[in-house]
C-alpha cells in the first residue's frame, strides 16, 4: 500500500500543482485517511484552431481542483470531488458548453451530484447526466458523466451550432463550471486503484466523440461555430484512490416479507415474496445472497430464491391441504436473507401465515406511489407519499389500512384507507445526516382476511427521494429499477431536478418521482 501511494505521489509531483483548493473534503473516507486537496493542470488542444477560441489559437492550460481520500477500505463508501478551473472566452457569445468526466470501472457509483461553485453564465441551468463515453449521448448505463445545460455542441444529445442553448453567456467575461461530487463504494479487492479522470485523455485530436472531452460553440451572435477540445494524457487519472489491505466494510441489509401476515387457501400453491434492501450496495451484489423461507415450527424449508434487480425474492410452495371441516392452521414463516460474506450483512423478517381449507378470493391492489419532500428544516426533512390506486371489484373492508415503508422499514402507524376516492397520503419526517442520503418509499396494504376473502397490495418499484445533508450536499439518486432515470434528466418538466442541483433548495421539491406496482386486480 505505501509503495503504491509513494508512486502515485511521485507521478503527481511531475504535474503542475497549485495550492490546496476550497472544495469540501471528501466524506465517508477510512478513519484516519488523509484527504487530498489539490489542483492539477491539464492542457487542451482544440479544433478548429482559431484565435477566437478559449485560450486562443494555441493549446491552453486549465487547473482542475480535486478532493479525495488518500486510501479507502474494501467496500467503503466515500466521495470524491472534481471542479474545472476558470475559462476565459474571446468572443461575445459562448453556448452549449459541455464537460465530461470518466467514471471508474471497478467501483460501484452510488450517486453523482453537482456541488456548486459555478459562475459567469448568463443563461442555462447546470445539470449532470450519465453519458455513453464514445458517442456522448445521454445513457442511464453510461460510464461517463457530463456537466451541461441540456444541449451539446457537435457530440452528444441535443446537438447544434447555435450559441443560445444549454450553458451560455453573452459576454467575454470568464466562467467556471460547477464542482461534481461522486459517491462510490470501493471494490472488495485490496490493492486495486479507483481512478477518476477525463475521457479521451491523450488523444492527438478531438476528431470524434470519444476524443472530445470539452466542447462549446462560439460566435458574435446566435449563429455559432463548433469548438471541440481534447485533453492531455495526465487527465486520465486526476484522482487515484488505493484500496487498502484491511477488513472490508460490510453493509446492513433489511428484509421485508411483502404483504406481512396473510391468509392462503391450502388447496392451491402459495406465493411468498420478500424484498431485500441495502443502502449503497449494487443490485448485483444483493442478488448474490439467498432468501430462504422456512416454517419455524417444523423447520420446513418452504423455498429459496435470489433477489432480483429490484431486491425481490419469490417462492411458490404447496402446503399440505387441510381436510374439509378442519380448523385453520397458523404457521410462522421466516424469510432469512443470507447476506454476502464480507459484503452485505444478513437480515430476516417473520410473518404469520394462516392456511385455510376454504377457497379464498384474492383482491390485489395496484398502487402508484409518488414521494415529495416538504420544507427543509435545520435537522429534518418532511416527506409526503401519495399512493394512488384502483378500488377492487369488492371494495376494501372499512378497517383496511395501508403501511408506509422507508428503505424496507415500517414508518409510523398504518393509515386507514379512505372510504371513497383513489388516493391515500402518508407522511414521514427524516432526520438529516451530515451527508446527503437517498431513501426509497413503498406502501403495502395491511393484509385483510374476511370471510375467506383477502385484500392485499404492495409496491414493486420504490419511489426515491433525496434528503439534503447538513453540510448542504444534495445528490442525484440512482433510479429504482424500472423507474425514471434521474441521471439523464435535463429539463423534463417544470421544476426539474436539474433546476435544483447545486442550489440551496430542498431536492425533489418540485418533481415527483413515481414507482409502479404491477399486479392483478
Foldseek 3Di string as FASTA:
>chain_A
DVVVLVVVVVVQVVFDKDDFDDDDAKPQADVPFDKDWIKGKKKKDKPPQAQQAFVGRGIDIKIKIKIFTQAHAAFTKMKIKIWIHKIFGREQKKAQKKAKKFFFPQWAWFFKFFAADKDDFPDAFWAKFAAALFQQEGDLPHRMMMTKRQDHDPGYPNYDQFRPDIGMGRGRGMIIGTMMMIIITHHRDAFDKGFMFFFLAQDPYQPGRRQFRIWIWDDHHGGTDTMTMGMHNVRRGPDIYGHHPDQFDAWEKEKAWAQFAEEDELVAKDKTKIAMFTRNDALVQQQVWKKWKAFVVVRHTQDMAGQDNLRMGMDIGRDPADDPPDDKDKTKIKIKIPHDPSYYHIYMDIHIYIYDNDAAAEAEKKWKKWKAWDFDDLWKIKIKIKIFIDATPDGDPQAKWKFKDKSNHTADDTHGDDPDDGMDMDMHIGTAAQAKGKIWMKMKINWDADPRYIYIYIFSWTFIAIFHHSPRATTQGAHTPPWDGLSHDNPPDVPHQSNPTNDNGGGRNPPITIGIDDDDD
